[in-house]
PDB file of N, CA and C in Angstrom:
ATOM      1  N   TYR A   1     108.594  94.662  98.063  1.00  0.00           N
ATOM      2  CA  TYR A   1     108.216  95.043  99.409  1.00  0.00           C
ATOM      3  C   TYR A   1     109.050  96.250  99.832  1.00  0.00           C
ATOM      4  N   ILE A   2     108.417  97.143 100.549  1.00  0.00           N
ATOM      5  CA  ILE A   2     109.119  98.285 101.121  1.00  0.00           C
ATOM      6  C   ILE A   2     108.990  98.181 102.632  1.00  0.00           C
ATOM      7  N   TYR A   3     110.108  98.298 103.317  1.00  0.00           N
ATOM      8  CA  TYR A   3     110.144  98.223 104.776  1.00  0.00           C
ATOM      9  C   TYR A   3     110.480  99.607 105.329  1.00  0.00           C
ATOM     10  N   ILE A   4     109.727 100.050 106.325  1.00  0.00           N
ATOM     11  CA  ILE A   4     109.959 101.353 106.941  1.00  0.00           C
ATOM     12  C   ILE A   4     109.994 101.166 108.454  1.00  0.00           C
ATOM     13  N   GLN A   5     111.089 101.597 109.084  1.00  0.00           N
ATOM     14  CA  GLN A   5     111.164 101.590 110.551  1.00  0.00           C
ATOM     15  C   GLN A   5     110.958 103.015 111.024  1.00  0.00           C
ATOM     16  N   TYR A   6     109.956 103.199 111.886  1.00  0.00           N
ATOM     17  CA  TYR A   6     109.609 104.537 112.347  1.00  0.00           C
ATOM     18  C   TYR A   6     109.099 104.498 113.783  1.00  0.00           C
ATOM     19  N   ARG A   7     109.005 105.686 114.359  1.00  0.00           N
ATOM     20  CA  ARG A   7     108.450 105.844 115.707  1.00  0.00           C
ATOM     21  C   ARG A   7     107.502 107.042 115.660  1.00  0.00           C
ATOM     22  N   ILE A   8     106.305 106.856 116.166  1.00  0.00           N
ATOM     23  CA  ILE A   8     105.320 107.934 116.225  1.00  0.00           C
ATOM     24  C   ILE A   8     105.624 108.785 117.449  1.00  0.00           C
ATOM     25  N   ASP A   9     105.844 110.085 117.221  1.00  0.00           N
ATOM     26  CA  ASP A   9     106.185 110.992 118.315  1.00  0.00           C
ATOM     27  C   ASP A   9     105.060 111.964 118.649  1.00  0.00           C
ATOM     28  N   GLY A  10     103.996 111.970 117.878  1.00  0.00           N
ATOM     29  CA  GLY A  10     102.890 112.895 118.113  1.00  0.00           C
ATOM     30  C   GLY A  10     101.553 112.217 117.908  1.00  0.00           C
ATOM     31  N   GLU A  11     100.497 113.001 118.022  1.00  0.00           N
ATOM     32  CA  GLU A  11      99.146 112.467 117.878  1.00  0.00           C
ATOM     33  C   GLU A  11      98.825 112.084 116.432  1.00  0.00           C
ATOM     34  N   ARG A  12      99.135 112.990 115.502  1.00  0.00           N
ATOM     35  CA  ARG A  12      98.793 112.772 114.103  1.00  0.00           C
ATOM     36  C   ARG A  12     100.057 112.792 113.261  1.00  0.00           C
ATOM     37  N   CYS A  13     100.206 111.772 112.434  1.00  0.00           N
ATOM     38  CA  CYS A  13     101.348 111.739 111.535  1.00  0.00           C
ATOM     39  C   CYS A  13     101.005 110.877 110.332  1.00  0.00           C
ATOM     40  N   SER A  14     101.794 111.021 109.276  1.00  0.00           N
ATOM     41  CA  SER A  14     101.549 110.248 108.069  1.00  0.00           C
ATOM     42  C   SER A  14     102.834 110.018 107.291  1.00  0.00           C
ATOM     43  N   ILE A  15     102.804 108.981 106.467  1.00  0.00           N
ATOM     44  CA  ILE A  15     103.875 108.660 105.535  1.00  0.00           C
ATOM     45  C   ILE A  15     103.215 108.510 104.174  1.00  0.00           C
ATOM     46  N   GLU A  16     103.768 109.166 103.176  1.00  0.00           N
ATOM     47  CA  GLU A  16     103.229 109.056 101.824  1.00  0.00           C
ATOM     48  C   GLU A  16     104.297 108.483 100.906  1.00  0.00           C
ATOM     49  N   LEU A  17     103.935 107.453 100.168  1.00  0.00           N
ATOM     50  CA  LEU A  17     104.837 106.809  99.216  1.00  0.00           C
ATOM     51  C   LEU A  17     104.309 107.059  97.809  1.00  0.00           C
ATOM     52  N   GLU A  18     105.178 107.523  96.923  1.00  0.00           N
ATOM     53  CA  GLU A  18     104.803 107.679  95.524  1.00  0.00           C
ATOM     54  C   GLU A  18     105.488 106.572  94.737  1.00  0.00           C
ATOM     55  N   LEU A  19     104.702 105.770  94.038  1.00  0.00           N
ATOM     56  CA  LEU A  19     105.193 104.587  93.343  1.00  0.00           C
ATOM     57  C   LEU A  19     104.772 104.622  91.885  1.00  0.00           C
ATOM     58  N   SER A  20     105.468 103.862  91.056  1.00  0.00           N
ATOM     59  CA  SER A  20     105.048 103.684  89.665  1.00  0.00           C
ATOM     60  C   SER A  20     105.454 102.288  89.213  1.00  0.00           C
ATOM     61  N   ARG A  21     104.884 101.876  88.094  1.00  0.00           N
ATOM     62  CA  ARG A  21     105.195 100.556  87.543  1.00  0.00           C
ATOM     63  C   ARG A  21     106.264 100.614  86.473  1.00  0.00           C
ATOM     64  N   GLY A  22     107.004 101.697  86.397  1.00  0.00           N
ATOM     65  CA  GLY A  22     108.086 101.786  85.427  1.00  0.00           C
ATOM     66  C   GLY A  22     108.047 103.092  84.664  1.00  0.00           C
ATOM     67  N   ILE A  23     108.999 103.256  83.771  1.00  0.00           N
ATOM     68  CA  ILE A  23     109.136 104.482  82.993  1.00  0.00           C
ATOM     69  C   ILE A  23     107.911 104.658  82.099  1.00  0.00           C
ATOM     70  N   GLY A  24     107.335 105.850  82.131  1.00  0.00           N
ATOM     71  CA  GLY A  24     106.198 106.170  81.283  1.00  0.00           C
ATOM     72  C   GLY A  24     104.849 105.788  81.852  1.00  0.00           C
ATOM     73  N   SER A  25     104.814 105.054  82.954  1.00  0.00           N
ATOM     74  CA  SER A  25     103.525 104.687  83.541  1.00  0.00           C
ATOM     75  C   SER A  25     103.106 105.733  84.575  1.00  0.00           C
ATOM     76  N   GLN A  26     101.834 105.749  84.856  1.00  0.00           N
ATOM     77  CA  GLN A  26     101.293 106.717  85.790  1.00  0.00           C
ATOM     78  C   GLN A  26     101.707 106.364  87.217  1.00  0.00           C
ATOM     79  N   ASN A  27     102.084 107.385  87.985  1.00  0.00           N
ATOM     80  CA  ASN A  27     102.429 107.179  89.388  1.00  0.00           C
ATOM     81  C   ASN A  27     101.163 106.986  90.204  1.00  0.00           C
ATOM     82  N   PHE A  28     101.297 106.306  91.332  1.00  0.00           N
ATOM     83  CA  PHE A  28     100.198 106.231  92.285  1.00  0.00           C
ATOM     84  C   PHE A  28     100.763 106.443  93.677  1.00  0.00           C
ATOM     85  N   ARG A  29      99.915 106.915  94.596  1.00  0.00           N
ATOM     86  CA  ARG A  29     100.368 107.250  95.940  1.00  0.00           C
ATOM     87  C   ARG A  29      99.684 106.375  96.981  1.00  0.00           C
ATOM     88  N   LEU A  30     100.448 106.020  98.002  1.00  0.00           N
ATOM     89  CA  LEU A  30      99.918 105.377  99.201  1.00  0.00           C
ATOM     90  C   LEU A  30     100.052 106.389 100.324  1.00  0.00           C
ATOM     91  N   ALA A  31      98.951 106.731 100.951  1.00  0.00           N
ATOM     92  CA  ALA A  31      98.964 107.666 102.068  1.00  0.00           C
ATOM     93  C   ALA A  31      98.638 106.889 103.336  1.00  0.00           C
ATOM     94  N   LEU A  32      99.636 106.717 104.190  1.00  0.00           N
ATOM     95  CA  LEU A  32      99.483 105.989 105.452  1.00  0.00           C
ATOM     96  C   LEU A  32      99.370 107.019 106.564  1.00  0.00           C
ATOM     97  N   SER A  33      98.269 106.974 107.326  1.00  0.00           N
ATOM     98  CA  SER A  33      98.024 107.997 108.333  1.00  0.00           C
ATOM     99  C   SER A  33      97.462 107.381 109.612  1.00  0.00           C
ATOM    100  N   THR A  34      97.824 107.972 110.750  1.00  0.00           N
ATOM    101  CA  THR A  34      97.282 107.504 112.032  1.00  0.00           C
ATOM    102  C   THR A  34      95.799 107.819 112.149  1.00  0.00           C
ATOM    103  N   THR A  35      95.301 108.768 111.359  1.00  0.00           N
ATOM    104  CA  THR A  35      93.883 109.142 111.425  1.00  0.00           C
ATOM    105  C   THR A  35      93.026 108.411 110.394  1.00  0.00           C
ATOM    106  N   ALA A  36      93.632 107.643 109.498  1.00  0.00           N
ATOM    107  CA  ALA A  36      92.877 106.910 108.470  1.00  0.00           C
ATOM    108  C   ALA A  36      92.131 105.743 109.092  1.00  0.00           C
ATOM    109  N   LYS A  37      91.055 105.363 108.462  1.00  0.00           N
ATOM    110  CA  LYS A  37      90.259 104.217 108.924  1.00  0.00           C
ATOM    111  C   LYS A  37      90.949 102.922 108.529  1.00  0.00           C
ATOM    112  N   GLU A  38      90.529 101.833 109.145  1.00  0.00           N
ATOM    113  CA  GLU A  38      91.133 100.520 108.880  1.00  0.00           C
ATOM    114  C   GLU A  38      90.840 100.027 107.461  1.00  0.00           C
ATOM    115  N   ILE A  39      89.731 100.476 106.864  1.00  0.00           N
ATOM    116  CA  ILE A  39      89.353 100.039 105.521  1.00  0.00           C
ATOM    117  C   ILE A  39      90.005 100.964 104.496  1.00  0.00           C
ATOM    118  N   PRO A  40      90.772 100.422 103.538  1.00  0.00           N
ATOM    119  CA  PRO A  40      91.428 101.269 102.528  1.00  0.00           C
ATOM    120  C   PRO A  40      90.407 101.975 101.631  1.00  0.00           C
ATOM    121  N   VAL A  41      90.657 103.239 101.323  1.00  0.00           N
ATOM    122  CA  VAL A  41      89.827 104.007 100.396  1.00  0.00           C
ATOM    123  C   VAL A  41      90.741 104.841  99.503  1.00  0.00           C
ATOM    124  N   VAL A  42      90.251 105.185  98.322  1.00  0.00           N
ATOM    125  CA  VAL A  42      90.985 106.093  97.439  1.00  0.00           C
ATOM    126  C   VAL A  42      90.395 107.479  97.636  1.00  0.00           C
ATOM    127  N   ARG A  43      91.260 108.408  98.037  1.00  0.00           N
ATOM    128  CA  ARG A  43      90.830 109.783  98.291  1.00  0.00           C
ATOM    129  C   ARG A  43      91.926 110.723  97.785  1.00  0.00           C
ATOM    130  N   GLY A  44      91.526 111.708  96.984  1.00  0.00           N
ATOM    131  CA  GLY A  44      92.491 112.681  96.479  1.00  0.00           C
ATOM    132  C   GLY A  44      93.595 112.070  95.640  1.00  0.00           C
ATOM    133  N   GLY A  45      93.290 111.002  94.910  1.00  0.00           N
ATOM    134  CA  GLY A  45      94.289 110.369  94.053  1.00  0.00           C
ATOM    135  C   GLY A  45      95.265 109.458  94.784  1.00  0.00           C
ATOM    136  N   ALA A  46      94.986 109.161  96.056  1.00  0.00           N
ATOM    137  CA  ALA A  46      95.884 108.290  96.835  1.00  0.00           C
ATOM    138  C   ALA A  46      95.081 107.176  97.488  1.00  0.00           C
ATOM    139  N   LEU A  47      95.706 106.020  97.623  1.00  0.00           N
ATOM    140  CA  LEU A  47      95.130 104.930  98.390  1.00  0.00           C
ATOM    141  C   LEU A  47      95.446 105.213  99.850  1.00  0.00           C
ATOM    142  N   CYS A  48      94.422 105.474 100.663  1.00  0.00           N
ATOM    143  CA  CYS A  48      94.602 105.855 102.070  1.00  0.00           C
ATOM    144  C   CYS A  48      94.478 104.627 102.962  1.00  0.00           C
ATOM    145  N   LEU A  49      95.505 104.408 103.782  1.00  0.00           N
ATOM    146  CA  LEU A  49      95.572 103.258 104.677  1.00  0.00           C
ATOM    147  C   LEU A  49      95.911 103.724 106.091  1.00  0.00           C
ATOM    148  N   HIS A  50      95.547 102.907 107.065  1.00  0.00           N
ATOM    149  CA  HIS A  50      95.864 103.216 108.458  1.00  0.00           C
ATOM    150  C   HIS A  50      97.352 102.972 108.726  1.00  0.00           C
ATOM    151  N   LEU A  51      97.995 103.899 109.433  1.00  0.00           N
ATOM    152  CA  LEU A  51      99.399 103.769 109.827  1.00  0.00           C
ATOM    153  C   LEU A  51      99.447 103.178 111.231  1.00  0.00           C
ATOM    154  N   PRO A  52      99.869 101.917 111.367  1.00  0.00           N
ATOM    155  CA  PRO A  52      99.916 101.299 112.691  1.00  0.00           C
ATOM    156  C   PRO A  52     101.110 101.778 113.493  1.00  0.00           C
ATOM    157  N   GLY A  53     101.058 101.559 114.773  1.00  0.00           N
ATOM    158  CA  GLY A  53     102.196 101.892 115.630  1.00  0.00           C
ATOM    159  C   GLY A  53     101.748 102.441 116.962  1.00  0.00           C
ATOM    160  N   THR A  54     102.632 102.336 117.930  1.00  0.00           N
ATOM    161  CA  THR A  54     102.391 102.836 119.268  1.00  0.00           C
ATOM    162  C   THR A  54     103.323 104.011 119.513  1.00  0.00           C
ATOM    163  N   ARG A  55     102.804 105.039 120.133  1.00  0.00           N
ATOM    164  CA  ARG A  55     103.608 106.229 120.389  1.00  0.00           C
ATOM    165  C   ARG A  55     104.866 105.874 121.175  1.00  0.00           C
ATOM    166  N   ALA A  56     105.982 106.411 120.735  1.00  0.00           N
ATOM    167  CA  ALA A  56     107.293 106.288 121.373  1.00  0.00           C
ATOM    168  C   ALA A  56     107.908 104.886 121.270  1.00  0.00           C
ATOM    169  N   LYS A  57     107.362 103.997 120.434  1.00  0.00           N
ATOM    170  CA  LYS A  57     107.958 102.675 120.227  1.00  0.00           C
ATOM    171  C   LYS A  57     108.279 102.499 118.749  1.00  0.00           C
ATOM    172  N   TRP A  58     109.436 101.912 118.462  1.00  0.00           N
ATOM    173  CA  TRP A  58     109.838 101.686 117.081  1.00  0.00           C
ATOM    174  C   TRP A  58     108.965 100.603 116.460  1.00  0.00           C
ATOM    175  N   THR A  59     108.535 100.840 115.231  1.00  0.00           N
ATOM    176  CA  THR A  59     107.662  99.930 114.494  1.00  0.00           C
ATOM    177  C   THR A  59     108.270  99.682 113.120  1.00  0.00           C
ATOM    178  N   THR A  60     108.175  98.454 112.631  1.00  0.00           N
ATOM    179  CA  THR A  60     108.579  98.153 111.263  1.00  0.00           C
ATOM    180  C   THR A  60     107.323  97.862 110.463  1.00  0.00           C
ATOM    181  N   LEU A  61     107.116  98.645 109.419  1.00  0.00           N
ATOM    182  CA  LEU A  61     105.960  98.502 108.544  1.00  0.00           C
ATOM    183  C   LEU A  61     106.426  97.861 107.245  1.00  0.00           C
ATOM    184  N   VAL A  62     105.692  96.856 106.776  1.00  0.00           N
ATOM    185  CA  VAL A  62     105.991  96.198 105.512  1.00  0.00           C
ATOM    186  C   VAL A  62     104.877  96.542 104.535  1.00  0.00           C
ATOM    187  N   VAL A  63     105.243  97.116 103.382  1.00  0.00           N
ATOM    188  CA  VAL A  63     104.271  97.461 102.346  1.00  0.00           C
ATOM    189  C   VAL A  63     104.461  96.505 101.181  1.00  0.00           C
ATOM    190  N   ASP A  64     103.438  95.716 100.895  1.00  0.00           N
ATOM    191  CA  ASP A  64     103.451  94.823  99.734  1.00  0.00           C
ATOM    192  C   ASP A  64     103.051  95.680  98.533  1.00  0.00           C
ATOM    193  N   THR A  65     104.026  96.129  97.760  1.00  0.00           N
ATOM    194  CA  THR A  65     103.766  97.079  96.685  1.00  0.00           C
ATOM    195  C   THR A  65     102.910  96.491  95.562  1.00  0.00           C
ATOM    196  N   GLU A  66     103.060  95.205  95.267  1.00  0.00           N
ATOM    197  CA  GLU A  66     102.235  94.567  94.232  1.00  0.00           C
ATOM    198  C   GLU A  66     100.765  94.574  94.639  1.00  0.00           C
ATOM    199  N   SER A  67     100.475  94.185  95.879  1.00  0.00           N
ATOM    200  CA  SER A  67      99.094  94.177  96.359  1.00  0.00           C
ATOM    201  C   SER A  67      98.528  95.589  96.438  1.00  0.00           C
ATOM    202  N   ALA A  68      99.365  96.546  96.842  1.00  0.00           N
ATOM    203  CA  ALA A  68      98.918  97.938  96.916  1.00  0.00           C
ATOM    204  C   ALA A  68      98.569  98.460  95.531  1.00  0.00           C
ATOM    205  N   ALA A  69      99.381  98.129  94.524  1.00  0.00           N
ATOM    206  CA  ALA A  69      99.110  98.572  93.154  1.00  0.00           C
ATOM    207  C   ALA A  69      97.812  97.957  92.637  1.00  0.00           C
ATOM    208  N   GLU A  70      97.601  96.678  92.918  1.00  0.00           N
ATOM    209  CA  GLU A  70      96.369  96.016  92.498  1.00  0.00           C
ATOM    210  C   GLU A  70      95.159  96.626  93.191  1.00  0.00           C
ATOM    211  N   CYS A  71      95.273  96.882  94.477  1.00  0.00           N
ATOM    212  CA  CYS A  71      94.180  97.477  95.242  1.00  0.00           C
ATOM    213  C   CYS A  71      93.857  98.872  94.712  1.00  0.00           C
ATOM    214  N   TYR A  72      94.882  99.647  94.402  1.00  0.00           N
ATOM    215  CA  TYR A  72      94.693 101.003  93.887  1.00  0.00           C
ATOM    216  C   TYR A  72      93.981 100.975  92.532  1.00  0.00           C
ATOM    217  N   THR A  73      94.458 100.158  91.604  1.00  0.00           N
ATOM    218  CA  THR A  73      93.844 100.127  90.274  1.00  0.00           C
ATOM    219  C   THR A  73      92.436  99.538  90.335  1.00  0.00           C
ATOM    220  N   GLU A  74      92.217  98.567  91.206  1.00  0.00           N
ATOM    221  CA  GLU A  74      90.874  97.998  91.350  1.00  0.00           C
ATOM    222  C   GLU A  74      89.919  99.033  91.933  1.00  0.00           C
ATOM    223  N   ALA A  75      90.389  99.793  92.898  1.00  0.00           N
ATOM    224  CA  ALA A  75      89.544 100.813  93.524  1.00  0.00           C
ATOM    225  C   ALA A  75      89.165 101.893  92.523  1.00  0.00           C
ATOM    226  N   LEU A  76      90.039 102.185  91.579  1.00  0.00           N
ATOM    227  CA  LEU A  76      89.739 103.180  90.549  1.00  0.00           C
ATOM    228  C   LEU A  76      89.049 102.560  89.339  1.00  0.00           C
ATOM    229  N   ARG A  77      88.880 101.234  89.368  1.00  0.00           N
ATOM    230  CA  ARG A  77      88.283 100.478  88.272  1.00  0.00           C
ATOM    231  C   ARG A  77      89.054 100.656  86.961  1.00  0.00           C
ATOM    232  N   GLN A  78      90.363 100.561  87.089  1.00  0.00           N
ATOM    233  CA  GLN A  78      91.232 100.630  85.918  1.00  0.00           C
ATOM    234  C   GLN A  78      91.919  99.284  85.761  1.00  0.00           C
ATOM    235  N   SER A  79      92.083  98.853  84.545  1.00  0.00           N
ATOM    236  CA  SER A  79      92.754  97.575  84.315  1.00  0.00           C
ATOM    237  C   SER A  79      93.954  97.747  83.394  1.00  0.00           C
ATOM    238  N   ARG A  80      94.484  98.945  83.315  1.00  0.00           N
ATOM    239  CA  ARG A  80      95.584  99.194  82.387  1.00  0.00           C
ATOM    240  C   ARG A  80      96.955  99.204  83.065  1.00  0.00           C
ATOM    241  N   ALA A  81      97.053  98.595  84.230  1.00  0.00           N
ATOM    242  CA  ALA A  81      98.345  98.549  84.918  1.00  0.00           C
ATOM    243  C   ALA A  81      99.328  97.746  84.075  1.00  0.00           C
ATOM    244  N   THR A  82     100.485  98.279  83.877  1.00  0.00           N
ATOM    245  CA  THR A  82     101.485  97.597  83.074  1.00  0.00           C
ATOM    246  C   THR A  82     102.302  96.664  83.946  1.00  0.00           C
ATOM    247  N   PRO A  83     102.678  95.500  83.442  1.00  0.00           N
ATOM    248  CA  PRO A  83     103.483  94.581  84.246  1.00  0.00           C
ATOM    249  C   PRO A  83     104.898  95.116  84.431  1.00  0.00           C
ATOM    250  N   GLY A  84     105.551  94.603  85.426  1.00  0.00           N
ATOM    251  CA  GLY A  84     106.938  94.999  85.658  1.00  0.00           C
ATOM    252  C   GLY A  84     107.166  95.396  87.101  1.00  0.00           C
ATOM    253  N   SER A  85     108.387  95.763  87.380  1.00  0.00           N
ATOM    254  CA  SER A  85     108.765  96.136  88.738  1.00  0.00           C
ATOM    255  C   SER A  85     108.108  97.438  89.156  1.00  0.00           C
ATOM    256  N   ILE A  86     107.851  97.553  90.440  1.00  0.00           N
ATOM    257  CA  ILE A  86     107.307  98.789  90.983  1.00  0.00           C
ATOM    258  C   ILE A  86     108.479  99.617  91.497  1.00  0.00           C
ATOM    259  N   ILE A  87     108.484 100.892  91.147  1.00  0.00           N
ATOM    260  CA  ILE A  87     109.579 101.799  91.484  1.00  0.00           C
ATOM    261  C   ILE A  87     109.111 102.777  92.544  1.00  0.00           C
ATOM    262  N   LEU A  88     109.890 102.932  93.601  1.00  0.00           N
ATOM    263  CA  LEU A  88     109.617 103.934  94.627  1.00  0.00           C
ATOM    264  C   LEU A  88     110.172 105.262  94.141  1.00  0.00           C
ATOM    265  N   ARG A  89     109.293 106.237  93.929  1.00  0.00           N
ATOM    266  CA  ARG A  89     109.695 107.544  93.394  1.00  0.00           C
ATOM    267  C   ARG A  89     109.993 108.552  94.495  1.00  0.00           C
ATOM    268  N   ALA A  90     109.196 108.551  95.585  1.00  0.00           N
ATOM    269  CA  ALA A  90     109.376 109.548  96.644  1.00  0.00           C
ATOM    270  C   ALA A  90     108.748 109.048  97.939  1.00  0.00           C
ATOM    271  N   VAL A  91     109.284 109.526  99.050  1.00  0.00           N
ATOM    272  CA  VAL A  91     108.736 109.252 100.378  1.00  0.00           C
ATOM    273  C   VAL A  91     108.609 110.587 101.095  1.00  0.00           C
ATOM    274  N   THR A  92     107.437 110.843 101.677  1.00  0.00           N
ATOM    275  CA  THR A  92     107.209 112.078 102.414  1.00  0.00           C
ATOM    276  C   THR A  92     106.723 111.736 103.812  1.00  0.00           C
ATOM    277  N   PHE A  93     107.361 112.325 104.832  1.00  0.00           N
ATOM    278  CA  PHE A  93     106.952 112.146 106.224  1.00  0.00           C
ATOM    279  C   PHE A  93     106.340 113.454 106.699  1.00  0.00           C
ATOM    280  N   ARG A  94     105.191 113.368 107.383  1.00  0.00           N
ATOM    281  CA  ARG A  94     104.530 114.568 107.878  1.00  0.00           C
ATOM    282  C   ARG A  94     104.279 114.453 109.370  1.00  0.00           C
ATOM    283  N   ALA A  95     104.369 115.594 110.045  1.00  0.00           N
ATOM    284  CA  ALA A  95     104.107 115.739 111.483  1.00  0.00           C
ATOM    285  C   ALA A  95     105.212 115.096 112.313  1.00  0.00           C
ATOM    286  N   LYS A  96     104.879 114.691 113.517  1.00  0.00           N
ATOM    287  CA  LYS A  96     105.895 114.205 114.451  1.00  0.00           C
ATOM    288  C   LYS A  96     106.092 112.702 114.304  1.00  0.00           C
ATOM    289  N   LEU A  97     107.146 112.374 113.554  1.00  0.00           N
ATOM    290  CA  LEU A  97     107.457 110.993 113.248  1.00  0.00           C
ATOM    291  C   LEU A  97     108.967 110.886 113.086  1.00  0.00           C
ATOM    292  N   SER A  98     109.577 109.904 113.742  1.00  0.00           N
ATOM    293  CA  SER A  98     111.010 109.663 113.581  1.00  0.00           C
ATOM    294  C   SER A  98     111.182 108.455 112.673  1.00  0.00           C
ATOM    295  N   MET A  99     112.077 108.562 111.709  1.00  0.00           N
ATOM    296  CA  MET A  99     112.327 107.478 110.788  1.00  0.00           C
ATOM    297  C   MET A  99     113.741 106.959 111.002  1.00  0.00           C
ATOM    298  N   ARG A 100     113.859 105.672 111.232  1.00  0.00           N
ATOM    299  CA  ARG A 100     115.174 105.050 111.440  1.00  0.00           C
ATOM    300  C   ARG A 100     115.772 104.614 110.107  1.00  0.00           C
ATOM    301  N   CYS A 101     114.977 103.919 109.276  1.00  0.00           N
ATOM    302  CA  CYS A 101     115.478 103.492 107.975  1.00  0.00           C
ATOM    303  C   CYS A 101     114.322 103.071 107.074  1.00  0.00           C
ATOM    304  N   ILE A 102     114.618 103.007 105.784  1.00  0.00           N
ATOM    305  CA  ILE A 102     113.664 102.526 104.789  1.00  0.00           C
ATOM    306  C   ILE A 102     114.467 101.715 103.776  1.00  0.00           C
ATOM    307  N   TRP A 103     113.943 100.564 103.381  1.00  0.00           N
ATOM    308  CA  TRP A 103     114.635  99.740 102.401  1.00  0.00           C
ATOM    309  C   TRP A 103     113.619  98.921 101.624  1.00  0.00           C
ATOM    310  N   SER A 104     114.059  98.391 100.506  1.00  0.00           N
ATOM    311  CA  SER A 104     113.168  97.549  99.678  1.00  0.00           C
ATOM    312  C   SER A 104     113.815  96.191  99.463  1.00  0.00           C
ATOM    313  N   SER A 105     112.964  95.209  99.164  1.00  0.00           N
ATOM    314  CA  SER A 105     113.438  93.852  98.937  1.00  0.00           C
ATOM    315  C   SER A 105     112.440  93.125  98.045  1.00  0.00           C
ATOM    316  N   ASN A 106     112.901  92.162  97.300  1.00  0.00           N
ATOM    317  CA  ASN A 106     112.004  91.330  96.514  1.00  0.00           C
ATOM    318  C   ASN A 106     111.365  90.243  97.377  1.00  0.00           C
ATOM    319  N   ALA A 107     111.888  90.040  98.576  1.00  0.00           N
ATOM    320  CA  ALA A 107     111.380  88.992  99.468  1.00  0.00           C
ATOM    321  C   ALA A 107     110.641  89.596 100.645  1.00  0.00           C
ATOM    322  N   ASN A 108     109.625  88.857 101.111  1.00  0.00           N
ATOM    323  CA  ASN A 108     108.896  89.240 102.322  1.00  0.00           C
ATOM    324  C   ASN A 108     109.514  88.460 103.484  1.00  0.00           C
ATOM    325  N   TYR A 109     110.120  89.172 104.416  1.00  0.00           N
ATOM    326  CA  TYR A 109     110.797  88.512 105.544  1.00  0.00           C
ATOM    327  C   TYR A 109     109.838  88.240 106.675  1.00  0.00           C
TER     328      TYR A 109
END
């Protein structure tokens, strides 16, 4: 699980997470955006999801990386996902968004 505490400061903003299932495996991206629809879709090589939150209020987002990886590979109709831990490779914040902290855990709190 990846936990992100953030505050939306503008109309449009996004968080992009680049993940992989280990050394040598293909990376996949989660694109969380305030303009994305509620239904997840794969667009431009990324699983696009809605970024929840209220302007000017701190929000904690929990990303279930195992479910996201399964959803991504299922959406692409690939079944070659390798077992193992999911590694967070990069985090990108775009537009007006304040980030307080980001952390990972094996447990869902």
